[in-house]
C-alpha atoms as a PDB file:
ATOM      1  CA  MET A   1       0.000   0.000   0.000  1.00  0.00           C
ATOM      2  CA  ILE A   2       1.840   3.006  -1.343  1.00  0.00           C
ATOM      3  CA  ILE A   3       0.919   6.677  -0.921  1.00  0.00           C
ATOM      4  CA  LEU A   4       2.131   9.730  -2.812  1.00  0.00           C
ATOM      5  CA  ALA A   5       1.573  12.833  -0.667  1.00  0.00           C
ATOM      6  CA  ASN A   6       2.527  15.205  -3.450  1.00  0.00           C
ATOM      7  CA  ASP A   7       1.710  18.442  -1.644  1.00  0.00           C
ATOM      8  CA  GLY A   8       2.844  17.318   1.801  1.00  0.00           C
ATOM      9  CA  ILE A   9       1.316  15.682   4.861  1.00  0.00           C
ATOM     10  CA  SER A  10       1.573  16.388   8.587  1.00  0.00           C
ATOM     11  CA  GLN A  11       4.272  14.477  10.441  1.00  0.00           C
ATOM     12  CA  ASN A  12       1.808  12.955  12.918  1.00  0.00           C
ATOM     13  CA  SER A  13      -0.375  11.626  10.109  1.00  0.00           C
ATOM     14  CA  LYS A  14       2.638  10.336   8.222  1.00  0.00           C
ATOM     15  CA  LYS A  15       3.814   8.427  11.291  1.00  0.00           C
ATOM     16  CA  GLU A  16       0.360   6.974  11.893  1.00  0.00           C
ATOM     17  CA  LEU A  17       0.120   5.717   8.310  1.00  0.00           C
ATOM     18  CA  ILE A  18       3.639   4.257   8.412  1.00  0.00           C
ATOM     19  CA  ASP A  19       2.692   2.436  11.617  1.00  0.00           C
ATOM     20  CA  LEU A  20      -0.170   0.898   9.624  1.00  0.00           C
ATOM     21  CA  ASN A  21       2.408  -0.369   7.090  1.00  0.00           C
ATOM     22  CA  PHE A  22       1.771   2.204   4.386  1.00  0.00           C
ATOM     23  CA  LYS A  23       4.782   3.346   2.390  1.00  0.00           C
ATOM     24  CA  ILE A  24       4.748   7.115   1.853  1.00  0.00           C
ATOM     25  CA  PHE A  25       6.504   9.241  -0.757  1.00  0.00           C
ATOM     26  CA  ASP A  26       6.237  12.914   0.147  1.00  0.00           C
ATOM     27  CA  THR A  27       8.777  14.483  -2.202  1.00  0.00           C
ATOM     28  CA  LYS A  28       7.104  16.940  -4.576  1.00  0.00           C
ATOM     29  CA  ILE A  29       6.798  15.477  -8.080  1.00  0.00           C
ATOM     30  CA  ASP A  30       6.391  17.872 -10.988  1.00  0.00           C
ATOM     31  CA  GLN A  31       3.046  17.715 -12.773  1.00  0.00           C
ATOM     32  CA  SER A  32       4.705  16.595 -16.014  1.00  0.00           C
ATOM     33  CA  GLU A  33       6.383  13.650 -14.260  1.00  0.00           C
ATOM     34  CA  LEU A  34       3.392  12.339 -12.328  1.00  0.00           C
ATOM     35  CA  ILE A  35       2.282   9.592 -14.712  1.00  0.00           C
ATOM     36  CA  ARG A  36       5.767   8.100 -14.966  1.00  0.00           C
ATOM     37  CA  TYR A  37       6.332   8.334 -11.207  1.00  0.00           C
ATOM     38  CA  ILE A  38       2.955   6.851 -10.264  1.00  0.00           C
ATOM     39  CA  ASN A  39       3.377   3.889 -12.592  1.00  0.00           C
ATOM     40  CA  LYS A  40       7.003   3.281 -11.630  1.00  0.00           C
ATOM     41  CA  ASN A  41       6.182   3.184  -7.917  1.00  0.00           C
ATOM     42  CA  HIS A  42       2.724   1.546  -8.185  1.00  0.00           C
ATOM     43  CA  ILE A  43       1.056   4.365  -6.261  1.00  0.00           C
ATOM     44  CA  GLU A  44      -2.386   3.414  -4.900  1.00  0.00           C
ATOM     45  CA  ILE A  45      -3.244   6.610  -3.020  1.00  0.00           C
ATOM     46  CA  ILE A  46      -2.547  10.186  -4.074  1.00  0.00           C
ATOM     47  CA  LEU A  47      -2.896  13.028  -1.581  1.00  0.00           C
ATOM     48  CA  VAL A  48      -2.938  16.555  -3.008  1.00  0.00           C
ATOM     49  CA  ARG A  49      -3.738  20.147  -2.154  1.00  0.00           C
ATOM     50  CA  SER A  50      -4.416  22.832  -4.743  1.00  0.00           C
ATOM     51  CA  ALA A  51      -0.935  22.753  -6.294  1.00  0.00           C
ATOM     52  CA  THR A  52      -1.369  19.369  -8.007  1.00  0.00           C
ATOM     53  CA  THR A  53      -3.960  18.577 -10.685  1.00  0.00           C
ATOM     54  CA  ILE A  54      -5.237  15.031 -11.136  1.00  0.00           C
ATOM     55  CA  ASN A  55      -6.644  15.105 -14.652  1.00  0.00           C
ATOM     56  CA  SER A  56      -8.109  12.536 -17.039  1.00  0.00           C
ATOM     57  CA  GLU A  57      -4.700  11.805 -18.575  1.00  0.00           C
ATOM     58  CA  ILE A  58      -3.339  10.690 -15.220  1.00  0.00           C
ATOM     59  CA  LEU A  59      -6.422   8.721 -14.272  1.00  0.00           C
ATOM     60  CA  ASN A  60      -6.650   6.970 -17.648  1.00  0.00           C
ATOM     61  CA  ASN A  61      -2.969   6.022 -17.674  1.00  0.00           C
ATOM     62  CA  CYS A  62      -2.330   5.112 -14.044  1.00  0.00           C
ATOM     63  CA  LYS A  63      -4.388   2.037 -13.257  1.00  0.00           C
ATOM     64  CA  SER A  64      -2.800   1.475  -9.858  1.00  0.00           C
ATOM     65  CA  ILE A  65      -4.648   4.475  -8.361  1.00  0.00           C
ATOM     66  CA  LYS A  66      -7.470   3.491  -6.020  1.00  0.00           C
ATOM     67  CA  LEU A  67      -7.960   6.544  -3.827  1.00  0.00           C
ATOM     68  CA  ILE A  68      -7.420  10.305  -4.172  1.00  0.00           C
ATOM     69  CA  GLY A  69      -7.498  12.615  -1.172  1.00  0.00           C
ATOM     70  CA  ARG A  70      -7.774  16.394  -1.477  1.00  0.00           C
ATOM     71  CA  ALA A  71      -6.465  18.195   1.603  1.00  0.00           C
ATOM     72  CA  GLY A  72      -8.923  21.062   1.672  1.00  0.00           C
ATOM     73  CA  VAL A  73     -12.413  22.040   0.625  1.00  0.00           C
ATOM     74  CA  GLY A  74     -12.565  22.137  -3.173  1.00  0.00           C
ATOM     75  CA  LEU A  75     -12.278  19.324  -5.698  1.00  0.00           C
ATOM     76  CA  ASP A  76     -11.857  21.443  -8.815  1.00  0.00           C
ATOM     77  CA  ASN A  77      -8.284  20.224  -9.407  1.00  0.00           C
ATOM     78  CA  ILE A  78      -9.477  16.612  -9.673  1.00  0.00           C
ATOM     79  CA  ASP A  79     -11.322  15.233 -12.709  1.00  0.00           C
ATOM     80  CA  LEU A  80     -14.249  13.628 -10.902  1.00  0.00           C
ATOM     81  CA  ILE A  81     -15.825  12.219 -14.079  1.00  0.00           C
ATOM     82  CA  SER A  82     -12.629  10.378 -15.026  1.00  0.00           C
ATOM     83  CA  ALA A  83     -12.181   9.214 -11.448  1.00  0.00           C
ATOM     84  CA  LYS A  84     -15.643   7.656 -11.478  1.00  0.00           C
ATOM     85  CA  LYS A  85     -15.037   6.005 -14.869  1.00  0.00           C
ATOM     86  CA  ASN A  86     -11.829   4.479 -13.529  1.00  0.00           C
ATOM     87  CA  ASN A  87     -13.464   3.376 -10.264  1.00  0.00           C
ATOM     88  CA  VAL A  88     -11.254   5.692  -8.197  1.00  0.00           C
ATOM     89  CA  ARG A  89     -12.720   6.992  -4.960  1.00  0.00           C
ATOM     90  CA  VAL A  90     -12.188  10.698  -4.209  1.00  0.00           C
ATOM     91  CA  PHE A  91     -12.511  12.446  -0.870  1.00  0.00           C
ATOM     92  CA  ASN A  92     -11.723  15.861   0.581  1.00  0.00           C
ATOM     93  CA  THR A  93     -11.439  17.366   4.063  1.00  0.00           C
ATOM     94  CA  PRO A  94     -14.113  20.080   4.118  1.00  0.00           C
ATOM     95  CA  ASN A  95     -14.223  20.685   7.861  1.00  0.00           C
ATOM     96  CA  ALA A  96     -10.543  20.921   8.689  1.00  0.00           C
ATOM     97  CA  SER A  97      -9.540  24.326   7.336  1.00  0.00           C
ATOM     98  CA  SER A  98     -12.736  26.372   7.743  1.00  0.00           C
ATOM     99  CA  ILE A  99     -11.565  28.225  10.851  1.00  0.00           C
ATOM    100  CA  SER A 100      -8.142  28.987   9.368  1.00  0.00           C
ATOM    101  CA  VAL A 101      -9.599  30.445   6.181  1.00  0.00           C
ATOM    102  CA  ALA A 102     -12.182  32.469   8.111  1.00  0.00           C
ATOM    103  CA  GLU A 103      -9.481  33.953  10.332  1.00  0.00           C
ATOM    104  CA  LEU A 104      -7.455  34.922   7.251  1.00  0.00           C
ATOM    105  CA  VAL A 105     -10.500  36.683   5.797  1.00  0.00           C
ATOM    106  CA  ILE A 106     -10.904  38.750   8.962  1.00  0.00           C
ATOM    107  CA  SER A 107      -7.154  39.405   9.086  1.00  0.00           C
ATOM    108  CA  HIS A 108      -7.226  40.802   5.545  1.00  0.00           C
ATOM    109  CA  LEU A 109     -10.403  42.749   6.244  1.00  0.00           C
ATOM    110  CA  LEU A 110      -8.990  44.522   9.294  1.00  0.00           C
ATOM    111  CA  SER A 111      -5.530  44.995   7.835  1.00  0.00           C
ATOM    112  CA  ALA A 112      -6.659  46.376   4.484  1.00  0.00           C
ATOM    113  CA  ASN A 113      -9.365  48.556   6.002  1.00  0.00           C
ATOM    114  CA  ARG A 114      -6.741  50.245   8.211  1.00  0.00           C
ATOM    115  CA  ASP A 115      -4.160  50.382   5.393  1.00  0.00           C
ATOM    116  CA  LEU A 116      -1.748  48.179   7.349  1.00  0.00           C
ATOM    117  CA  HIS A 117      -0.773  46.448   4.114  1.00  0.00           C
ATOM    118  CA  ILE A 118       0.412  49.871   2.894  1.00  0.00           C
ATOM    119  CA  THR A 119       2.122  51.071   6.087  1.00  0.00           C
ATOM    120  CA  ASN A 120       3.937  47.750   6.387  1.00  0.00           C
ATOM    121  CA  ARG A 121       5.517  48.595   3.026  1.00  0.00           C
ATOM    122  CA  THR A 122       6.147  52.297   3.556  1.00  0.00           C
ATOM    123  CA  MET A 123       7.313  52.391   7.179  1.00  0.00           C
ATOM    124  CA  PRO A 124      10.507  50.348   6.606  1.00  0.00           C
ATOM    125  CA  LEU A 125      11.371  52.544   3.623  1.00  0.00           C
ATOM    126  CA  ASN A 126      10.304  56.013   4.759  1.00  0.00           C
ATOM    127  CA  GLY A 127       9.185  55.795   8.367  1.00  0.00           C
ATOM    128  CA  ASP A 128      12.192  57.713   9.615  1.00  0.00           C
ATOM    129  CA  THR A 129      11.769  60.597   7.168  1.00  0.00           C
ATOM    130  CA  LYS A 130       8.041  60.684   6.324  1.00  0.00           C
ATOM    131  CA  PHE A 131       6.469  59.530   9.579  1.00  0.00           C
ATOM    132  CA  LYS A 132       3.921  62.363   9.708  1.00  0.00           C
ATOM    133  CA  GLU A 133       2.856  61.916   6.076  1.00  0.00           C
ATOM    134  CA  ILE A 134       2.329  58.178   6.541  1.00  0.00           C
ATOM    135  CA  LYS A 135       0.422  58.803   9.765  1.00  0.00           C
ATOM    136  CA  SER A 136      -1.772  61.434   8.106  1.00  0.00           C
ATOM    137  CA  HIS A 137      -2.683  59.093   5.242  1.00  0.00           C
ATOM    138  CA  SER A 138      -3.560  56.182   7.536  1.00  0.00           C
ATOM    139  CA  SER A 139      -5.572  58.367   9.913  1.00  0.00           C
ATOM    140  CA  LYS A 140      -8.327  58.621   7.291  1.00  0.00           C
ATOM    141  CA  CYS A 141      -9.332  54.972   7.709  1.00  0.00           C
ATOM    142  CA  SER A 142     -12.574  53.836   9.352  1.00  0.00           C
ATOM    143  CA  GLU A 143     -13.826  51.081  11.641  1.00  0.00           C
ATOM    144  CA  VAL A 144     -15.609  47.900  10.572  1.00  0.00           C
ATOM    145  CA  MET A 145     -18.104  47.946  13.453  1.00  0.00           C
ATOM    146  CA  PHE A 146     -21.671  48.602  12.188  1.00  0.00           C
ATOM    147  CA  LYS A 147     -20.484  48.196   8.599  1.00  0.00           C
ATOM    148  CA  THR A 148     -22.040  45.559   6.319  1.00  0.00           C
ATOM    149  CA  LEU A 149     -20.127  42.461   5.280  1.00  0.00           C
ATOM    150  CA  GLY A 150     -21.510  40.622   2.259  1.00  0.00           C
ATOM    151  CA  ILE A 151     -20.737  36.906   2.210  1.00  0.00           C
ATOM    152  CA  ILE A 152     -21.124  35.142  -1.124  1.00  0.00           C
ATOM    153  CA  GLY A 153     -21.387  31.432  -0.336  1.00  0.00           C
ATOM    154  CA  LEU A 154     -22.617  30.236   3.064  1.00  0.00           C
ATOM    155  CA  GLY A 155     -20.866  26.897   3.295  1.00  0.00           C
ATOM    156  CA  ARG A 156     -18.695  25.947   6.250  1.00  0.00           C
ATOM    157  CA  ILE A 157     -16.174  28.723   5.643  1.00  0.00           C
ATOM    158  CA  GLY A 158     -18.800  31.369   4.932  1.00  0.00           C
ATOM    159  CA  GLN A 159     -20.542  30.493   8.195  1.00  0.00           C
ATOM    160  CA  GLU A 160     -17.289  30.752  10.145  1.00  0.00           C
ATOM    161  CA  VAL A 161     -16.690  34.180   8.593  1.00  0.00           C
ATOM    162  CA  ALA A 162     -20.222  35.222   9.595  1.00  0.00           C
ATOM    163  CA  LYS A 163     -19.538  34.200  13.210  1.00  0.00           C
ATOM    164  CA  ARG A 164     -16.470  36.409  13.369  1.00  0.00           C
ATOM    165  CA  ALA A 165     -18.196  39.310  11.642  1.00  0.00           C
ATOM    166  CA  PHE A 166     -21.054  39.199  14.142  1.00  0.00           C
ATOM    167  CA  SER A 167     -18.457  39.136  16.935  1.00  0.00           C
ATOM    168  CA  LEU A 168     -16.995  42.376  15.525  1.00  0.00           C
ATOM    169  CA  GLY A 169     -20.386  44.061  15.623  1.00  0.00           C
ATOM    170  CA  MET A 170     -20.866  43.970  11.864  1.00  0.00           C
ATOM    171  CA  ASN A 171     -24.085  43.632   9.926  1.00  0.00           C
ATOM    172  CA  VAL A 172     -24.006  40.520   7.727  1.00  0.00           C
ATOM    173  CA  VAL A 173     -25.830  39.930   4.451  1.00  0.00           C
ATOM    174  CA  ALA A 174     -25.315  36.821   2.368  1.00  0.00           C
ATOM    175  CA  PHE A 175     -26.045  35.167  -0.950  1.00  0.00           C
ATOM    176  CA  ASP A 176     -26.204  31.402  -1.380  1.00  0.00           C
ATOM    177  CA  LYS A 177     -28.307  29.790  -4.080  1.00  0.00           C
ATOM    178  CA  ASN A 178     -28.901  26.705  -1.912  1.00  0.00           C
ATOM    179  CA  ILE A 179     -29.686  28.346   1.439  1.00  0.00           C
ATOM    180  CA  GLU A 180     -32.610  30.607   2.333  1.00  0.00           C
ATOM    181  CA  LYS A 181     -32.152  30.869   6.093  1.00  0.00           C
ATOM    182  CA  ILE A 182     -29.542  29.632   8.540  1.00  0.00           C
ATOM    183  CA  LYS A 183     -28.910  29.913  12.264  1.00  0.00           C
ATOM    184  CA  ILE A 184     -25.354  31.021  13.040  1.00  0.00           C
ATOM    185  CA  GLN A 185     -24.156  29.785  16.430  1.00  0.00           C
ATOM    186  CA  LEU A 186     -21.311  31.448  18.309  1.00  0.00           C
ATOM    187  CA  ASP A 187     -20.290  28.421  20.329  1.00  0.00           C
ATOM    188  CA  TYR A 188     -16.734  29.412  21.174  1.00  0.00           C
ATOM    189  CA  ILE A 189     -17.645  31.961  23.854  1.00  0.00           C
ATOM    190  CA  LYS A 190     -17.048  30.362  27.245  1.00  0.00           C
ATOM    191  CA  ASN A 191     -20.189  28.976  28.893  1.00  0.00           C
ATOM    192  CA  GLN A 192     -22.446  30.682  26.340  1.00  0.00           C
ATOM    193  CA  ASN A 193     -24.256  29.882  23.107  1.00  0.00           C
ATOM    194  CA  ILE A 194     -25.317  32.916  21.088  1.00  0.00           C
ATOM    195  CA  PHE A 195     -27.436  32.533  17.947  1.00  0.00           C
ATOM    196  CA  PHE A 196     -27.987  34.813  14.954  1.00  0.00           C
ATOM    197  CA  ASP A 197     -30.622  34.157  12.297  1.00  0.00           C
ATOM    198  CA  LEU A 198     -29.275  34.940   8.844  1.00  0.00           C
ATOM    199  CA  ILE A 199     -31.689  35.196   5.915  1.00  0.00           C
ATOM    200  CA  THR A 200     -30.004  35.199   2.529  1.00  0.00           C
ATOM    201  CA  SER A 201     -30.603  37.877  -0.102  1.00  0.00           C
ATOM    202  CA  SER A 202     -30.279  38.086  -3.864  1.00  0.00           C
ATOM    203  CA  LEU A 203     -26.803  38.516  -5.310  1.00  0.00           C
ATOM    204  CA  ASP A 204     -27.660  42.015  -6.551  1.00  0.00           C
ATOM    205  CA  ASP A 205     -28.830  43.085  -3.090  1.00  0.00           C
ATOM    206  CA  VAL A 206     -25.646  41.786  -1.477  1.00  0.00           C
ATOM    207  CA  LEU A 207     -23.523  43.624  -4.047  1.00  0.00           C
ATOM    208  CA  LYS A 208     -25.505  46.859  -3.522  1.00  0.00           C
ATOM    209  CA  GLU A 209     -25.640  46.830   0.275  1.00  0.00           C
ATOM    210  CA  SER A 210     -22.180  45.618   1.285  1.00  0.00           C
ATOM    211  CA  ASP A 211     -19.323  47.776   2.490  1.00  0.00           C
ATOM    212  CA  PHE A 212     -17.088  44.722   2.171  1.00  0.00           C
ATOM    213  CA  ILE A 213     -17.579  41.528   0.156  1.00  0.00           C
ATOM    214  CA  THR A 214     -15.947  38.134   0.676  1.00  0.00           C
ATOM    215  CA  LEU A 215     -16.194  35.170  -1.714  1.00  0.00           C
ATOM    216  CA  HIS A 216     -16.642  31.564  -0.580  1.00  0.00           C
ATOM    217  CA  ILE A 217     -17.796  29.654  -3.639  1.00  0.00           C
ATOM    218  CA  PRO A 218     -16.214  27.140  -6.041  1.00  0.00           C
ATOM    219  CA  LYS A 219     -15.078  28.116  -9.509  1.00  0.00           C
ATOM    220  CA  ILE A 220     -17.485  26.339 -11.839  1.00  0.00           C
ATOM    221  CA  ASN A 221     -16.352  27.576 -15.260  1.00  0.00           C
ATOM    222  CA  ASP A 222     -13.840  29.894 -16.882  1.00  0.00           C
ATOM    223  CA  LYS A 223     -16.052  32.973 -16.562  1.00  0.00           C
ATOM    224  CA  PRO A 224     -15.277  35.187 -13.544  1.00  0.00           C
ATOM    225  CA  PHE A 225     -18.045  35.409 -10.957  1.00  0.00           C
ATOM    226  CA  ILE A 226     -17.225  39.072 -10.299  1.00  0.00           C
ATOM    227  CA  GLY A 227     -16.687  41.153 -13.429  1.00  0.00           C
ATOM    228  CA  ARG A 228     -17.499  44.608 -14.762  1.00  0.00           C
ATOM    229  CA  ASP A 229     -21.275  44.286 -14.316  1.00  0.00           C
ATOM    230  CA  GLU A 230     -20.925  43.186 -10.691  1.00  0.00           C
ATOM    231  CA  PHE A 231     -18.425  45.946  -9.891  1.00  0.00           C
ATOM    232  CA  ASP A 232     -20.850  48.486 -11.364  1.00  0.00           C
ATOM    233  CA  ILE A 233     -23.546  47.383  -8.889  1.00  0.00           C
ATOM    234  CA  MET A 234     -21.315  47.710  -5.815  1.00  0.00           C
ATOM    235  CA  LYS A 235     -21.099  50.706  -3.487  1.00  0.00           C
ATOM    236  CA  LYS A 236     -18.403  53.277  -4.108  1.00  0.00           C
ATOM    237  CA  GLY A 237     -15.538  52.504  -1.745  1.00  0.00           C
ATOM    238  CA  VAL A 238     -16.316  48.799  -1.340  1.00  0.00           C
ATOM    239  CA  GLY A 239     -13.579  46.383  -0.270  1.00  0.00           C
ATOM    240  CA  ILE A 240     -13.453  42.868  -1.750  1.00  0.00           C
ATOM    241  CA  ILE A 241     -11.758  39.740  -0.429  1.00  0.00           C
ATOM    242  CA  ASN A 242     -11.063  36.478  -2.238  1.00  0.00           C
ATOM    243  CA  THR A 243      -9.583  33.536  -0.339  1.00  0.00           C
ATOM    244  CA  SER A 244     -11.564  30.981  -2.314  1.00  0.00           C
ATOM    245  CA  ARG A 245     -10.411  30.378  -5.902  1.00  0.00           C
ATOM    246  CA  GLY A 246      -8.314  32.310  -8.368  1.00  0.00           C
ATOM    247  CA  GLY A 247     -10.354  33.469 -11.345  1.00  0.00           C
ATOM    248  CA  LEU A 248     -13.547  34.199  -9.407  1.00  0.00           C
ATOM    249  CA  ILE A 249     -12.711  37.899  -9.804  1.00  0.00           C
ATOM    250  CA  ASP A 250     -11.806  39.354 -13.195  1.00  0.00           C
ATOM    251  CA  GLU A 251      -8.366  40.658 -12.253  1.00  0.00           C
ATOM    252  CA  SER A 252      -8.084  43.178 -15.095  1.00  0.00           C
ATOM    253  CA  GLU A 253     -11.456  44.692 -14.151  1.00  0.00           C
ATOM    254  CA  LEU A 254     -10.449  44.702 -10.490  1.00  0.00           C
ATOM    255  CA  ILE A 255      -7.397  46.811 -11.289  1.00  0.00           C
ATOM    256  CA  LYS A 256      -9.539  49.265 -13.272  1.00  0.00           C
ATOM    257  CA  PHE A 257     -12.027  49.675 -10.433  1.00  0.00           C
ATOM    258  CA  LEU A 258      -9.250  50.075  -7.877  1.00  0.00           C
ATOM    259  CA  ASN A 259      -7.670  52.774 -10.025  1.00  0.00           C
ATOM    260  CA  ASN A 260     -10.921  54.711 -10.429  1.00  0.00           C
ATOM    261  CA  LYS A 261     -11.543  54.328  -6.658  1.00  0.00           C
ATOM    262  CA  LYS A 262     -14.878  52.537  -6.995  1.00  0.00           C
ATOM    263  CA  VAL A 263     -13.169  49.739  -5.050  1.00  0.00           C
ATOM    264  CA  SER A 264     -11.190  51.016  -2.063  1.00  0.00           C
ATOM    265  CA  PHE A 265      -9.170  47.851  -1.558  1.00  0.00           C
ATOM    266  CA  ALA A 266      -8.907  44.205  -2.491  1.00  0.00           C
ATOM    267  CA  ALA A 267      -7.465  41.352  -0.467  1.00  0.00           C
ATOM    268  CA  LEU A 268      -6.314  38.336  -2.440  1.00  0.00           C
ATOM    269  CA  ASP A 269      -5.055  34.975  -1.241  1.00  0.00           C
ATOM    270  CA  VAL A 270      -5.693  33.288  -4.604  1.00  0.00           C
ATOM    271  CA  PHE A 271      -4.877  34.286  -8.173  1.00  0.00           C
ATOM    272  CA  GLU A 272      -5.663  33.379 -11.770  1.00  0.00           C
ATOM    273  CA  ASN A 273      -2.076  32.470 -12.609  1.00  0.00           C
ATOM    274  CA  GLU A 274      -0.694  30.693  -9.570  1.00  0.00           C
ATOM    275  CA  PRO A 275       2.128  30.407  -8.789  1.00  0.00           C
ATOM    276  CA  THR A 276       3.005  33.401 -10.991  1.00  0.00           C
ATOM    277  CA  PRO A 277       0.390  36.092 -10.248  1.00  0.00           C
ATOM    278  CA  ASN A 278      -0.021  39.160 -12.421  1.00  0.00           C
ATOM    279  CA  ILE A 279       2.712  41.630 -11.476  1.00  0.00           C
ATOM    280  CA  GLN A 280       0.194  44.502 -11.601  1.00  0.00           C
ATOM    281  CA  LEU A 281      -1.668  42.881  -8.732  1.00  0.00           C
ATOM    282  CA  LEU A 282       1.487  42.271  -6.726  1.00  0.00           C
ATOM    283  CA  MET A 283       2.628  45.887  -7.075  1.00  0.00           C
ATOM    284  CA  HIS A 284      -0.734  47.571  -6.488  1.00  0.00           C
ATOM    285  CA  ASP A 285      -0.782  49.538  -3.241  1.00  0.00           C
ATOM    286  CA  LYS A 286      -4.508  48.957  -2.746  1.00  0.00           C
ATOM    287  CA  ILE A 287      -4.254  45.164  -2.662  1.00  0.00           C
ATOM    288  CA  SER A 288      -3.502  43.176   0.482  1.00  0.00           C
ATOM    289  CA  LEU A 289      -1.699  39.999  -0.559  1.00  0.00           C
ATOM    290  CA  SER A 290      -1.033  36.490   0.741  1.00  0.00           C
ATOM    291  CA  PRO A 291       0.303  33.422  -1.147  1.00  0.00           C
ATOM    292  CA  HIS A 292      -2.674  30.983  -0.991  1.00  0.00           C
ATOM    293  CA  ILE A 293      -2.320  30.220   2.721  1.00  0.00           C
ATOM    294  CA  GLY A 294      -5.988  30.095   3.724  1.00  0.00           C
ATOM    295  CA  GLY A 295      -5.808  26.619   5.223  1.00  0.00           C
ATOM    296  CA  SER A 296      -2.124  26.702   6.061  1.00  0.00           C
ATOM    297  CA  THR A 297      -2.063  26.815   9.836  1.00  0.00           C
ATOM    298  CA  VAL A 298      -0.554  24.248  12.174  1.00  0.00           C
ATOM    299  CA  GLU A 299      -3.966  23.430  13.608  1.00  0.00           C
ATOM    300  CA  ALA A 300      -5.626  23.070  10.207  1.00  0.00           C
ATOM    301  CA  GLN A 301      -2.885  20.793   8.898  1.00  0.00           C
ATOM    302  CA  GLU A 302      -3.264  18.525  11.919  1.00  0.00           C
ATOM    303  CA  ARG A 303      -7.035  18.383  11.430  1.00  0.00           C
ATOM    304  CA  ILE A 304      -6.567  17.705   7.717  1.00  0.00           C
ATOM    305  CA  GLY A 305      -4.126  14.924   8.527  1.00  0.00           C
ATOM    306  CA  ASP A 306      -6.552  13.371  10.985  1.00  0.00           C
ATOM    307  CA  GLU A 307      -9.335  13.373   8.380  1.00  0.00           C
ATOM    308  CA  ILE A 308      -7.034  11.888   5.730  1.00  0.00           C
ATOM    309  CA  VAL A 309      -5.958   9.055   8.030  1.00  0.00           C
ATOM    310  CA  LYS A 310      -9.581   8.378   8.950  1.00  0.00           C
ATOM    311  CA  GLU A 311     -10.618   8.174   5.277  1.00  0.00           C
ATOM    312  CA  ILE A 312      -7.718   5.900   4.353  1.00  0.00           C
ATOM    313  CA  LYS A 313      -8.371   3.571   7.284  1.00  0.00           C
ATOM    314  CA  SER A 314     -12.032   3.403   6.319  1.00  0.00           C
ATOM    315  CA  PHE A 315     -11.192   2.655   2.672  1.00  0.00           C
ATOM    316  CA  TYR A 316      -8.878  -0.187   3.629  1.00  0.00           C
ATOM    317  CA  LYS A 317     -11.310  -1.352   6.334  1.00  0.00           C
ATOM    318  CA  PHE A 318      -8.824  -1.086   9.199  1.00  0.00           C
ATOM    319  CA  ASN A 319     -11.640  -0.599  11.684  1.00  0.00           C
ATOM    320  CA  GLU A 320     -13.589  -3.722  10.786  1.00  0.00           C
END
């Protein structure tokens, strides 16, 4: 029983699987070399994150594969139709990284709204000579309390974001085509359970009403979910956050709307052209940036590892 953990695996999970007599390769294999490597080493299980794509070519040419695990929420980098045709089971770990991604959303929201992403660039360069100018610029920022956060997609991550927004005293509106009403429970406050009823709105209403917008939906096709028409509907001065999937926002339109000040800031953890994002995005002083680290916390990786081990043990019937 041989596993290729192509995008890494936690050390605790690796040890647990080795103790169960699995052989694990966890050296990163280039996409172009995967077919050869899988066949040479008779890989039965492939574990990936977002950096590796398991396409029809791999699935049709690597008959040793029995199980594919995606460490994270989405499955858009795995050809599910080809997996089914080849009798390959696919699983993901949807619960493990929700808190980590939600915390990153709030981190970007607070940082970008107070221009910390700008002052963290300018202070090391000019803080000793232009302290007053930098201070004056950043003193024009505002608070998030009583502002409206629009959440597009109320899955596990969207709900965790809503919890934290309510905790900050924000108004929350949401769009989700599959949910009309949901009860948000703040269950992490000691000895208390606090509930908020959240009724979803139309996409247009969320775009119109929100001071800030955060995306938590899969990328279904090549067309951006947020483009020129959607930007036109938004409030002047809106901030937009994407920690979900690169390509959900039309990046060229985003730059235009940042430059004309319709959008006050963007916060991006994901990009159309990973791992080589558009240089105009990287250099723009109104964009808060992170390198696709939404689920990359120590705690999330341990939870992901636990879920992966559980799925593998179930597949090989270790608990029977």
